[in-house]
Protein backbone atom coordinates (compact mmCIF):
# COMPACT_ATOMS: atom_id res chain seq x y z
CA ARG A 1 0.13 -0.11 -0.10
CA GLY A 2 1.08 3.54 -0.14
CA PRO A 3 2.37 5.53 2.55
CA ASP A 4 -0.04 7.02 5.38
CA PRO A 5 0.24 10.75 6.18
CA ALA A 6 2.82 9.94 8.86
CA ALA A 7 4.80 7.72 6.43
CA ALA A 8 4.77 10.76 3.73
CA SER A 9 6.29 13.28 6.33
CA ARG A 10 8.98 10.90 7.19
CA ILE A 11 9.57 10.66 3.43
CA GLU A 12 9.58 14.38 2.97
CA SER A 13 12.22 14.75 5.81
CA ILE A 14 14.48 12.16 4.22
CA GLU A 15 14.42 13.67 0.72
CA ARG A 16 15.34 17.13 2.39
CA LEU A 17 18.66 15.40 3.33
CA GLY A 18 19.11 14.78 -0.59
CA ALA A 19 17.69 11.34 -0.80
CA LYS A 20 15.18 10.47 -3.67
CA VAL A 21 12.61 8.39 -2.49
CA ASP A 22 10.21 6.39 -4.98
CA VAL A 23 7.08 4.71 -3.14
CA VAL A 24 5.47 1.88 -5.23
CA ALA A 25 2.67 0.03 -3.86
CA ALA A 26 3.00 -3.85 -4.70
CA ASP A 27 2.10 -7.19 -2.89
CA VAL A 28 5.45 -8.86 -2.42
CA SER A 29 3.69 -12.25 -2.46
CA ARG A 30 2.91 -11.85 -6.17
CA ALA A 31 5.78 -12.14 -8.39
CA GLU A 32 4.37 -10.18 -11.07
CA GLU A 33 3.75 -7.29 -9.06
CA LEU A 34 6.90 -7.42 -7.46
CA GLU A 35 8.78 -7.72 -10.68
CA ALA A 36 6.83 -4.68 -11.94
CA ALA A 37 7.62 -2.50 -8.90
CA LEU A 38 11.69 -3.05 -9.21
CA ALA A 39 11.52 -3.01 -13.34
CA PRO A 40 12.12 0.78 -13.16
CA PHE A 41 15.03 0.79 -10.50
CA GLY A 42 18.46 -0.55 -10.78
CA PRO A 43 21.25 -1.36 -10.63
CA LEU A 44 20.32 -2.73 -7.15
CA ARG A 45 22.71 -2.47 -4.11
CA GLY A 46 20.80 -3.46 -0.97
CA LEU A 47 17.32 -5.00 -0.38
CA VAL A 48 15.54 -5.02 2.64
CA HIS A 49 12.28 -7.39 2.88
CA ALA A 50 10.38 -6.23 5.83
CA ALA A 51 6.92 -7.79 5.00
CA GLY A 52 4.75 -10.07 7.09
CA ALA A 53 1.27 -11.06 7.52
CA LEU A 54 -0.25 -12.13 10.89
CA ASP A 55 -3.44 -14.52 10.88
CA ASP A 56 -3.36 -15.78 14.26
CA GLY A 57 -5.45 -18.88 15.89
CA ILE A 58 -5.01 -21.83 17.74
CA LEU A 59 -3.07 -24.44 16.47
CA THR A 60 -6.16 -27.22 15.87
CA ALA A 61 -7.67 -24.18 13.94
CA MET A 62 -4.79 -23.94 11.68
CA ASP A 63 -5.06 -25.04 7.84
CA GLY A 64 -3.02 -25.47 4.86
CA ALA A 65 -4.26 -21.88 3.84
CA ARG A 66 -3.36 -20.20 6.85
CA PHE A 67 0.35 -21.45 6.65
CA GLU A 68 0.42 -20.37 3.02
CA ARG A 69 -0.51 -16.72 3.74
CA ALA A 70 2.14 -16.48 6.27
CA LEU A 71 4.71 -18.40 4.10
CA ALA A 72 3.62 -16.31 0.96
CA ALA A 73 4.51 -12.72 2.74
CA LYS A 74 7.96 -14.06 4.12
CA LEU A 75 9.40 -16.78 2.21
CA ASP A 76 7.86 -16.50 -1.10
CA GLY A 77 8.46 -12.67 -1.29
CA ALA A 78 11.98 -13.22 -0.19
CA ALA A 79 12.52 -15.93 -2.97
CA THR A 80 11.04 -13.72 -5.37
CA LEU A 81 13.21 -10.80 -4.35
CA ALA A 82 16.42 -13.18 -4.62
CA ARG A 83 15.46 -14.35 -8.31
CA LEU A 84 14.76 -10.88 -9.39
CA ALA A 85 18.20 -9.51 -7.68
CA ALA A 86 20.22 -12.56 -9.72
CA GLY A 87 23.00 -11.01 -11.04
CA GLU A 88 22.91 -7.52 -9.34
CA SER A 89 25.92 -6.70 -7.32
CA LEU A 90 24.30 -6.61 -3.54
CA GLU A 91 26.09 -5.36 -0.69
CA ALA A 92 23.42 -6.42 1.53
CA PHE A 93 19.79 -8.28 1.64
CA VAL A 94 18.38 -8.17 4.83
CA LEU A 95 15.56 -10.03 5.95
CA PHE A 96 13.19 -9.20 8.60
CA SER A 97 12.35 -12.53 10.62
CA SER A 98 11.03 -12.79 14.16
CA ALA A 99 12.06 -14.17 17.48
CA ALA A 100 8.66 -16.11 17.09
CA GLY A 101 10.90 -18.54 14.91
CA LEU A 102 13.18 -19.13 18.06
CA PHE A 103 10.92 -19.17 21.01
CA GLY A 104 7.76 -20.20 18.96
CA SER A 105 4.70 -17.96 19.87
CA ALA A 106 1.04 -19.14 21.06
CA GLY A 107 -1.00 -18.74 18.53
CA GLN A 108 1.14 -18.13 15.53
CA ALA A 109 2.33 -21.46 14.89
CA ASN A 110 1.98 -20.11 10.91
CA TYR A 111 4.28 -16.83 11.60
CA ALA A 112 6.86 -18.98 13.51
CA ALA A 113 6.93 -21.36 10.63
CA ALA A 114 7.37 -18.52 8.28
CA SER A 115 10.19 -16.83 10.33
CA ALA A 116 12.14 -20.04 10.96
CA ALA A 117 11.85 -20.64 7.00
CA LEU A 118 13.16 -17.41 6.33
CA ASP A 119 16.17 -17.81 8.94
CA ALA A 120 17.06 -21.00 7.06
CA PHE A 121 16.74 -19.23 3.54
CA ALA A 122 19.27 -16.88 4.66
CA GLY A 123 21.59 -19.70 4.97
CA ALA A 124 20.93 -21.01 1.60
CA LEU A 125 21.21 -17.61 -0.22
CA ARG A 126 24.78 -17.43 1.44
CA LEU A 127 25.93 -20.47 0.10
CA ARG A 128 25.13 -18.95 -3.55
CA GLY A 129 27.39 -15.94 -2.41
CA VAL A 130 24.55 -13.58 -1.60
CA PRO A 131 25.14 -11.20 1.36
CA ALA A 132 21.95 -12.32 3.00
CA LEU A 133 21.29 -11.43 6.71
CA ALA A 134 18.19 -12.92 8.59
CA ILE A 135 17.37 -10.78 11.59
CA ASP A 136 14.93 -12.29 14.30
CA TRP A 137 13.51 -9.38 15.54
CA GLY A 138 11.35 -8.83 19.33
CA PRO A 139 8.74 -6.44 18.97
CA TRP A 140 9.25 -3.01 18.06
CA ALA A 141 7.62 -0.33 19.96
CA GLY A 142 5.50 2.15 18.35
CA GLU A 143 4.10 1.45 14.94
CA GLY A 144 3.94 -1.75 12.90
CA MET A 145 2.84 -5.33 13.49
CA ALA A 146 3.57 -5.50 17.04
CA ALA A 147 1.60 -2.25 17.82
CA ARG A 148 -1.77 -4.02 16.53
CA VAL A 149 -1.63 -7.24 18.54
CA GLY A 150 -3.79 -7.70 21.90
CA ASP A 151 -3.15 -7.91 25.28
CA ARG A 152 -2.60 -11.63 25.54
CA ALA A 153 0.31 -11.27 23.01
CA ARG A 154 1.91 -8.54 25.02
CA GLU A 155 1.88 -10.72 28.26
CA ARG A 156 3.27 -13.78 26.23
CA TRP A 157 6.08 -11.27 25.47
CA ARG A 158 6.48 -10.26 29.11
CA ALA A 159 6.70 -14.05 30.06
CA LEU A 160 9.42 -14.34 28.07
CA GLY A 161 11.20 -11.26 29.24
CA LEU A 162 10.83 -9.48 25.74
CA SER A 163 10.48 -5.78 25.99
CA PRO A 164 9.27 -3.61 22.81
CA ILE A 165 12.32 -2.44 21.05
CA ASP A 166 12.60 1.59 20.76
CA PRO A 167 12.74 2.08 16.79
CA ALA A 168 16.05 4.30 17.34
CA THR A 169 17.60 1.57 19.23
CA ALA A 170 16.37 -1.10 16.47
CA LEU A 171 17.81 1.18 13.78
CA ASP A 172 21.27 1.27 15.55
CA ALA A 173 21.33 -2.32 15.92
CA LEU A 174 20.39 -3.03 12.29
CA GLU A 175 23.16 -0.85 11.15
CA ARG A 176 25.61 -2.89 13.49
CA ALA A 177 24.08 -6.19 12.38
CA ILE A 178 24.39 -5.32 8.74
CA ALA A 179 28.25 -4.43 9.31
CA SER A 180 28.62 -8.04 11.37
CA GLY A 181 28.93 -10.09 8.24
CA ARG A 182 26.48 -12.52 10.11
CA THR A 183 23.63 -14.62 8.24
CA HIS A 184 21.61 -15.04 11.16
CA LEU A 185 21.33 -12.78 14.67
CA ALA A 186 18.49 -12.11 16.93
CA ILE A 187 18.25 -8.21 18.22
CA LEU A 188 16.55 -8.54 21.41
CA PRO A 189 17.61 -5.79 23.69
CA GLY A 190 17.41 -6.09 27.17
CA TRP A 191 16.25 -9.93 26.91
CA ALA A 192 16.07 -11.47 30.25
CA PRO A 193 14.29 -14.60 30.41
CA VAL A 194 11.65 -14.68 33.58
CA ALA A 195 9.56 -17.77 32.53
CA PRO A 196 10.26 -21.03 33.81
CA ALA A 197 14.10 -22.59 33.25
CA PRO A 198 13.84 -24.32 29.53
CA ALA A 199 15.07 -27.75 29.10
CA PRO A 200 19.08 -28.24 28.98
CA ALA A 201 18.91 -28.38 25.53
CA PHE A 202 17.11 -25.19 24.80
CA ARG A 203 19.18 -23.55 27.40
CA GLY A 204 22.20 -24.05 25.16
CA SER A 205 20.48 -22.50 22.52
CA MET A 206 19.79 -19.43 24.48
CA ARG A 207 23.48 -19.15 25.48
CA ASP A 208 24.30 -19.03 22.03
CA LEU A 209 21.61 -16.56 21.38
CA VAL A 210 22.82 -14.13 24.00
CA ALA A 211 26.29 -14.48 23.01
CA GLY A 212 25.32 -13.07 19.71
CA GLU A 213 23.11 -10.39 20.39
CA VAL A 214 23.83 -7.22 19.06
CA ARG A 215 23.84 -4.38 22.03
CA ARG A 216 23.57 -0.76 21.45
């Protein structure tokens, strides 16, 4: 979709700094729309894939269509972008994933699966020489998908020790993450688990996660 008034105001402020901003509306899950949107631009030097689609529900109510919608926004969109950018001299291909792919998230089995798939896709791209980076974000404060969830989701975040990330902090961490040369990072400022201790194998993965955390 096109920019709302708040986004339009930010775009104007960026342009006042000397950048040229083009806004093109397209559905990233539809290859023909994405191809048409990118056609006027080039050469491409960087891509940030930040699309996502929420369709929450208990696992027994999930069907293939609901998983397909979540996967289309994240994985299909990323795969189409990778195909369209083949041959370009990309300096960065950043994939916005989610901590749901690491922790799981009640009511979000489809979104968690799409996020985990995106993480794996970043590794596959690296094997092909593409400078891909998947970032497992915690919830962002302010606008965006996290702002549209209900109180139950926020309670689950608190149980995991996840606090909303201030956008300025997130953008600072994003810059450092791109410069790190990593393929997969979790950015969870202030993460401190307050839920019951996880199983031993999971505790090991959490140690690795904290060791790789990007700090402000």
